[in-house]
PDB file of N, CA and C in Angstrom:
ATOM      1  N   MET A   1     -71.062 219.750 -46.493  1.00  0.00           N
ATOM      2  CA  MET A   1     -71.449 219.131 -47.738  1.00  0.00           C
ATOM      3  C   MET A   1     -71.550 217.629 -47.524  1.00  0.00           C
ATOM      4  N   SER A   2     -72.612 217.030 -47.999  1.00  0.00           N
ATOM      5  CA  SER A   2     -72.850 215.614 -47.819  1.00  0.00           C
ATOM      6  C   SER A   2     -72.381 214.840 -49.038  1.00  0.00           C
ATOM      7  N   HIS A   3     -71.950 213.612 -48.808  1.00  0.00           N
ATOM      8  CA  HIS A   3     -71.562 212.759 -49.919  1.00  0.00           C
ATOM      9  C   HIS A   3     -72.736 211.923 -50.427  1.00  0.00           C
ATOM     10  N   PHE A   4     -73.929 212.118 -49.871  1.00  0.00           N
ATOM     11  CA  PHE A   4     -75.127 211.413 -50.318  1.00  0.00           C
ATOM     12  C   PHE A   4     -75.837 212.211 -51.405  1.00  0.00           C
ATOM     13  N   SER A   5     -76.456 211.490 -52.342  1.00  0.00           N
ATOM     14  CA  SER A   5     -77.244 212.160 -53.377  1.00  0.00           C
ATOM     15  C   SER A   5     -78.542 212.668 -52.757  1.00  0.00           C
ATOM     16  N   THR A   6     -79.266 213.483 -53.490  1.00  0.00           N
ATOM     17  CA  THR A   6     -80.537 214.025 -53.004  1.00  0.00           C
ATOM     18  C   THR A   6     -81.521 212.901 -52.703  1.00  0.00           C
ATOM     19  N   THR A   7     -81.552 211.889 -53.563  1.00  0.00           N
ATOM     20  CA  THR A   7     -82.448 210.740 -53.352  1.00  0.00           C
ATOM     21  C   THR A   7     -82.056 209.987 -52.089  1.00  0.00           C
ATOM     22  N   GLU A   8     -80.747 209.775 -51.883  1.00  0.00           N
ATOM     23  CA  GLU A   8     -80.282 209.078 -50.691  1.00  0.00           C
ATOM     24  C   GLU A   8     -80.577 209.887 -49.430  1.00  0.00           C
ATOM     25  N   GLN A   9     -80.418 211.194 -49.506  1.00  0.00           N
ATOM     26  CA  GLN A   9     -80.710 212.050 -48.354  1.00  0.00           C
ATOM     27  C   GLN A   9     -82.184 211.966 -47.988  1.00  0.00           C
ATOM     28  N   ALA A  10     -83.066 211.948 -48.992  1.00  0.00           N
ATOM     29  CA  ALA A  10     -84.501 211.846 -48.729  1.00  0.00           C
ATOM     30  C   ALA A  10     -84.826 210.503 -48.083  1.00  0.00           C
ATOM     31  N   ALA A  11     -84.194 209.433 -48.566  1.00  0.00           N
ATOM     32  CA  ALA A  11     -84.435 208.102 -48.002  1.00  0.00           C
ATOM     33  C   ALA A  11     -83.944 208.041 -46.557  1.00  0.00           C
ATOM     34  N   LEU A  12     -82.781 208.627 -46.280  1.00  0.00           N
ATOM     35  CA  LEU A  12     -82.253 208.626 -44.925  1.00  0.00           C
ATOM     36  C   LEU A  12     -83.126 209.452 -43.981  1.00  0.00           C
ATOM     37  N   ALA A  13     -83.664 210.559 -44.475  1.00  0.00           N
ATOM     38  CA  ALA A  13     -84.525 211.402 -43.648  1.00  0.00           C
ATOM     39  C   ALA A  13     -85.822 210.680 -43.305  1.00  0.00           C
ATOM     40  N   ALA A  14     -86.263 209.772 -44.178  1.00  0.00           N
ATOM     41  CA  ALA A  14     -87.511 209.054 -43.945  1.00  0.00           C
ATOM     42  C   ALA A  14     -87.335 207.954 -42.893  1.00  0.00           C
ATOM     43  N   VAL A  15     -86.121 207.511 -42.642  1.00  0.00           N
ATOM     44  CA  VAL A  15     -85.865 206.448 -41.680  1.00  0.00           C
ATOM     45  C   VAL A  15     -85.763 207.055 -40.289  1.00  0.00           C
ATOM     46  N   GLN A  16     -86.616 206.616 -39.411  1.00  0.00           N
ATOM     47  CA  GLN A  16     -86.595 207.080 -38.028  1.00  0.00           C
ATOM     48  C   GLN A  16     -86.565 205.861 -37.119  1.00  0.00           C
ATOM     49  N   LEU A  17     -85.527 205.722 -36.322  1.00  0.00           N
ATOM     50  CA  LEU A  17     -85.401 204.599 -35.404  1.00  0.00           C
ATOM     51  C   LEU A  17     -85.655 205.077 -33.980  1.00  0.00           C
ATOM     52  N   THR A  18     -86.316 204.238 -33.215  1.00  0.00           N
ATOM     53  CA  THR A  18     -86.486 204.532 -31.793  1.00  0.00           C
ATOM     54  C   THR A  18     -85.229 204.065 -31.067  1.00  0.00           C
ATOM     55  N   ASP A  19     -85.040 204.491 -29.846  1.00  0.00           N
ATOM     56  CA  ASP A  19     -83.872 204.073 -29.079  1.00  0.00           C
ATOM     57  C   ASP A  19     -83.846 202.556 -28.878  1.00  0.00           C
ATOM     58  N   GLU A  20     -85.016 201.941 -28.792  1.00  0.00           N
ATOM     59  CA  GLU A  20     -85.086 200.494 -28.610  1.00  0.00           C
ATOM     60  C   GLU A  20     -84.620 199.751 -29.862  1.00  0.00           C
ATOM     61  N   GLU A  21     -84.754 200.365 -31.031  1.00  0.00           N
ATOM     62  CA  GLU A  21     -84.345 199.726 -32.285  1.00  0.00           C
ATOM     63  C   GLU A  21     -82.851 199.888 -32.568  1.00  0.00           C
ATOM     64  N   ARG A  22     -82.225 200.810 -31.898  1.00  0.00           N
ATOM     65  CA  ARG A  22     -80.812 201.066 -32.138  1.00  0.00           C
ATOM     66  C   ARG A  22     -79.948 200.061 -31.387  1.00  0.00           C
ATOM     67  N   GLN A  23     -78.748 199.826 -31.918  1.00  0.00           N
ATOM     68  CA  GLN A  23     -77.791 198.981 -31.226  1.00  0.00           C
ATOM     69  C   GLN A  23     -76.424 199.671 -31.264  1.00  0.00           C
ATOM     70  N   PRO A  24     -75.607 199.444 -30.255  1.00  0.00           N
ATOM     71  CA  PRO A  24     -74.306 200.111 -30.237  1.00  0.00           C
ATOM     72  C   PRO A  24     -73.393 199.579 -31.334  1.00  0.00           C
ATOM     73  N   CYS A  25     -72.566 200.442 -31.846  1.00  0.00           N
ATOM     74  CA  CYS A  25     -71.589 200.076 -32.866  1.00  0.00           C
ATOM     75  C   CYS A  25     -70.267 199.808 -32.156  1.00  0.00           C
ATOM     76  N   GLU A  26     -69.732 198.616 -32.339  1.00  0.00           N
ATOM     77  CA  GLU A  26     -68.465 198.277 -31.699  1.00  0.00           C
ATOM     78  C   GLU A  26     -67.314 198.759 -32.584  1.00  0.00           C
ATOM     79  N   VAL A  27     -66.468 199.595 -32.039  1.00  0.00           N
ATOM     80  CA  VAL A  27     -65.340 200.170 -32.777  1.00  0.00           C
ATOM     81  C   VAL A  27     -64.062 199.465 -32.346  1.00  0.00           C
ATOM     82  N   TRP A  28     -63.310 198.971 -33.324  1.00  0.00           N
ATOM     83  CA  TRP A  28     -62.038 198.325 -33.057  1.00  0.00           C
ATOM     84  C   TRP A  28     -60.923 199.169 -33.632  1.00  0.00           C
ATOM     85  N   THR A  29     -59.742 199.079 -33.051  1.00  0.00           N
ATOM     86  CA  THR A  29     -58.585 199.793 -33.566  1.00  0.00           C
ATOM     87  C   THR A  29     -57.344 198.926 -33.375  1.00  0.00           C
ATOM     88  N   ARG A  30     -56.324 199.226 -34.127  1.00  0.00           N
ATOM     89  CA  ARG A  30     -55.075 198.468 -34.053  1.00  0.00           C
ATOM     90  C   ARG A  30     -54.174 199.125 -33.015  1.00  0.00           C
ATOM     91  N   VAL A  31     -53.735 198.314 -32.049  1.00  0.00           N
ATOM     92  CA  VAL A  31     -52.861 198.800 -30.989  1.00  0.00           C
ATOM     93  C   VAL A  31     -51.705 197.816 -30.832  1.00  0.00           C
ATOM     94  N   MET A  32     -50.499 198.311 -30.967  1.00  0.00           N
ATOM     95  CA  MET A  32     -49.294 197.498 -30.766  1.00  0.00           C
ATOM     96  C   MET A  32     -49.333 196.192 -31.565  1.00  0.00           C
ATOM     97  N   GLY A  33     -49.802 196.272 -32.812  1.00  0.00           N
ATOM     98  CA  GLY A  33     -49.742 195.119 -33.705  1.00  0.00           C
ATOM     99  C   GLY A  33     -50.929 194.180 -33.656  1.00  0.00           C
ATOM    100  N   TYR A  34     -51.915 194.445 -32.843  1.00  0.00           N
ATOM    101  CA  TYR A  34     -53.111 193.604 -32.831  1.00  0.00           C
ATOM    102  C   TYR A  34     -54.349 194.478 -32.681  1.00  0.00           C
ATOM    103  N   HIS A  35     -55.503 193.912 -32.967  1.00  0.00           N
ATOM    104  CA  HIS A  35     -56.759 194.676 -32.933  1.00  0.00           C
ATOM    105  C   HIS A  35     -57.485 194.454 -31.611  1.00  0.00           C
ATOM    106  N   ARG A  36     -58.048 195.552 -31.079  1.00  0.00           N
ATOM    107  CA  ARG A  36     -58.809 195.499 -29.828  1.00  0.00           C
ATOM    108  C   ARG A  36     -60.025 196.397 -29.931  1.00  0.00           C
ATOM    109  N   PRO A  37     -61.112 196.033 -29.253  1.00  0.00           N
ATOM    110  CA  PRO A  37     -62.268 196.941 -29.219  1.00  0.00           C
ATOM    111  C   PRO A  37     -61.955 198.137 -28.327  1.00  0.00           C
ATOM    112  N   VAL A  38     -62.345 199.323 -28.782  1.00  0.00           N
ATOM    113  CA  VAL A  38     -62.089 200.550 -28.025  1.00  0.00           C
ATOM    114  C   VAL A  38     -62.791 200.499 -26.671  1.00  0.00           C
ATOM    115  N   ALA A  39     -63.930 199.804 -26.588  1.00  0.00           N
ATOM    116  CA  ALA A  39     -64.672 199.729 -25.325  1.00  0.00           C
ATOM    117  C   ALA A  39     -63.860 199.044 -24.225  1.00  0.00           C
ATOM    118  N   SER A  40     -62.853 198.236 -24.602  1.00  0.00           N
ATOM    119  CA  SER A  40     -62.053 197.547 -23.580  1.00  0.00           C
ATOM    120  C   SER A  40     -60.895 198.410 -23.080  1.00  0.00           C
ATOM    121  N   PHE A  41     -60.694 199.594 -23.666  1.00  0.00           N
ATOM    122  CA  PHE A  41     -59.626 200.498 -23.226  1.00  0.00           C
ATOM    123  C   PHE A  41     -59.975 201.085 -21.867  1.00  0.00           C
ATOM    124  N   ASN A  42     -58.936 201.460 -21.116  1.00  0.00           N
ATOM    125  CA  ASN A  42     -59.187 202.180 -19.875  1.00  0.00           C
ATOM    126  C   ASN A  42     -59.600 203.620 -20.213  1.00  0.00           C
ATOM    127  N   THR A  43     -60.023 204.366 -19.221  1.00  0.00           N
ATOM    128  CA  THR A  43     -60.567 205.713 -19.438  1.00  0.00           C
ATOM    129  C   THR A  43     -59.576 206.630 -20.147  1.00  0.00           C
ATOM    130  N   GLY A  44     -58.322 206.596 -19.750  1.00  0.00           N
ATOM    131  CA  GLY A  44     -57.313 207.449 -20.365  1.00  0.00           C
ATOM    132  C   GLY A  44     -57.067 207.107 -21.819  1.00  0.00           C
ATOM    133  N   LYS A  45     -56.998 205.816 -22.116  1.00  0.00           N
ATOM    134  CA  LYS A  45     -56.751 205.391 -23.491  1.00  0.00           C
ATOM    135  C   LYS A  45     -57.961 205.713 -24.372  1.00  0.00           C
ATOM    136  N   GLN A  46     -59.186 205.594 -23.841  1.00  0.00           N
ATOM    137  CA  GLN A  46     -60.374 205.977 -24.608  1.00  0.00           C
ATOM    138  C   GLN A  46     -60.336 207.465 -24.927  1.00  0.00           C
ATOM    139  N   GLY A  47     -59.873 208.277 -23.979  1.00  0.00           N
ATOM    140  CA  GLY A  47     -59.745 209.708 -24.222  1.00  0.00           C
ATOM    141  C   GLY A  47     -58.744 210.008 -25.316  1.00  0.00           C
ATOM    142  N   GLU A  48     -57.604 209.300 -25.299  1.00  0.00           N
ATOM    143  CA  GLU A  48     -56.608 209.470 -26.354  1.00  0.00           C
ATOM    144  C   GLU A  48     -57.192 209.092 -27.712  1.00  0.00           C
ATOM    145  N   HIS A  49     -57.951 208.003 -27.751  1.00  0.00           N
ATOM    146  CA  HIS A  49     -58.553 207.551 -29.008  1.00  0.00           C
ATOM    147  C   HIS A  49     -59.526 208.604 -29.547  1.00  0.00           C
ATOM    148  N   ASN A  50     -60.302 209.229 -28.661  1.00  0.00           N
ATOM    149  CA  ASN A  50     -61.264 210.248 -29.089  1.00  0.00           C
ATOM    150  C   ASN A  50     -60.584 211.502 -29.631  1.00  0.00           C
ATOM    151  N   GLU A  51     -59.339 211.750 -29.223  1.00  0.00           N
ATOM    152  CA  GLU A  51     -58.610 212.930 -29.681  1.00  0.00           C
ATOM    153  C   GLU A  51     -57.887 212.717 -31.009  1.00  0.00           C
ATOM    154  N   ARG A  52     -57.873 211.493 -31.511  1.00  0.00           N
ATOM    155  CA  ARG A  52     -57.174 211.216 -32.770  1.00  0.00           C
ATOM    156  C   ARG A  52     -57.801 211.978 -33.928  1.00  0.00           C
ATOM    157  N   ARG A  53     -56.947 212.374 -34.851  1.00  0.00           N
ATOM    158  CA  ARG A  53     -57.395 213.070 -36.055  1.00  0.00           C
ATOM    159  C   ARG A  53     -56.873 212.331 -37.271  1.00  0.00           C
ATOM    160  N   PHE A  54     -57.709 212.179 -38.282  1.00  0.00           N
ATOM    161  CA  PHE A  54     -57.295 211.552 -39.527  1.00  0.00           C
ATOM    162  C   PHE A  54     -56.652 212.604 -40.413  1.00  0.00           C
ATOM    163  N   PHE A  55     -55.683 212.212 -41.179  1.00  0.00           N
ATOM    164  CA  PHE A  55     -55.042 213.135 -42.101  1.00  0.00           C
ATOM    165  C   PHE A  55     -54.638 212.373 -43.354  1.00  0.00           C
ATOM    166  N   ALA A  56     -54.420 213.123 -44.394  1.00  0.00           N
ATOM    167  CA  ALA A  56     -53.934 212.557 -45.646  1.00  0.00           C
ATOM    168  C   ALA A  56     -52.701 213.333 -46.052  1.00  0.00           C
ATOM    169  N   GLU A  57     -51.639 212.618 -46.321  1.00  0.00           N
ATOM    170  CA  GLU A  57     -50.421 213.283 -46.752  1.00  0.00           C
ATOM    171  C   GLU A  57     -50.598 213.770 -48.178  1.00  0.00           C
ATOM    172  N   PRO A  58     -50.154 214.982 -48.468  1.00  0.00           N
ATOM    173  CA  PRO A  58     -50.275 215.483 -49.839  1.00  0.00           C
ATOM    174  C   PRO A  58     -49.357 214.694 -50.766  1.00  0.00           C
ATOM    175  N   ALA A  59     -49.830 214.467 -51.964  1.00  0.00           N
ATOM    176  CA  ALA A  59     -49.020 213.764 -52.951  1.00  0.00           C
ATOM    177  C   ALA A  59     -47.856 214.663 -53.351  1.00  0.00           C
ATOM    178  N   ARG A  60     -46.724 214.074 -53.542  1.00  0.00           N
ATOM    179  CA  ARG A  60     -45.587 214.864 -53.966  1.00  0.00           C
ATOM    180  C   ARG A  60     -44.778 214.075 -54.974  1.00  0.00           C
ATOM    181  N   GLY A  61     -44.146 214.792 -55.814  1.00  0.00           N
ATOM    182  CA  GLY A  61     -43.331 214.152 -56.846  1.00  0.00           C
ATOM    183  C   GLY A  61     -42.070 213.567 -56.262  1.00  0.00           C
ATOM    184  N   CYS A  62     -41.507 212.656 -56.966  1.00  0.00           N
ATOM    185  CA  CYS A  62     -40.284 212.003 -56.521  1.00  0.00           C
ATOM    186  C   CYS A  62     -39.097 212.922 -56.851  1.00  0.00           C
ATOM    187  N   SER A  63     -38.310 213.287 -55.847  1.00  0.00           N
ATOM    188  CA  SER A  63     -37.171 214.175 -56.057  1.00  0.00           C
ATOM    189  C   SER A  63     -35.905 213.396 -56.376  1.00  0.00           C
ATOM    190  N   TYR A  64     -35.991 212.083 -56.277  1.00  0.00           N
ATOM    191  CA  TYR A  64     -34.858 211.220 -56.575  1.00  0.00           C
ATOM    192  C   TYR A  64     -35.201 210.410 -57.814  1.00  0.00           C
ATOM    193  N   HIS A  65     -34.259 209.777 -58.427  1.00  0.00           N
ATOM    194  CA  HIS A  65     -34.499 208.996 -59.654  1.00  0.00           C
ATOM    195  C   HIS A  65     -35.352 207.771 -59.322  1.00  0.00           C
ATOM    196  N   CYS A  66     -36.642 207.857 -59.584  1.00  0.00           N
ATOM    197  CA  CYS A  66     -37.579 206.769 -59.253  1.00  0.00           C
ATOM    198  C   CYS A  66     -37.704 205.783 -60.380  1.00  0.00           C
TER     199      CYS A  66
END
């Protein structure tokens, strides 16, 4: 399921970029209290970064007097 509206999906489908028009997206992440580009990681650390999964903790009520 897409989060784009039908109009947005049609507009996105109409956009076609050639490889020459594309540019790489630089991804940064926080490591040990500071930010670094993922491209500067060694091979093993890049592999670890690719294996990361996002999650959201379920909301829960307060069991103590809040």
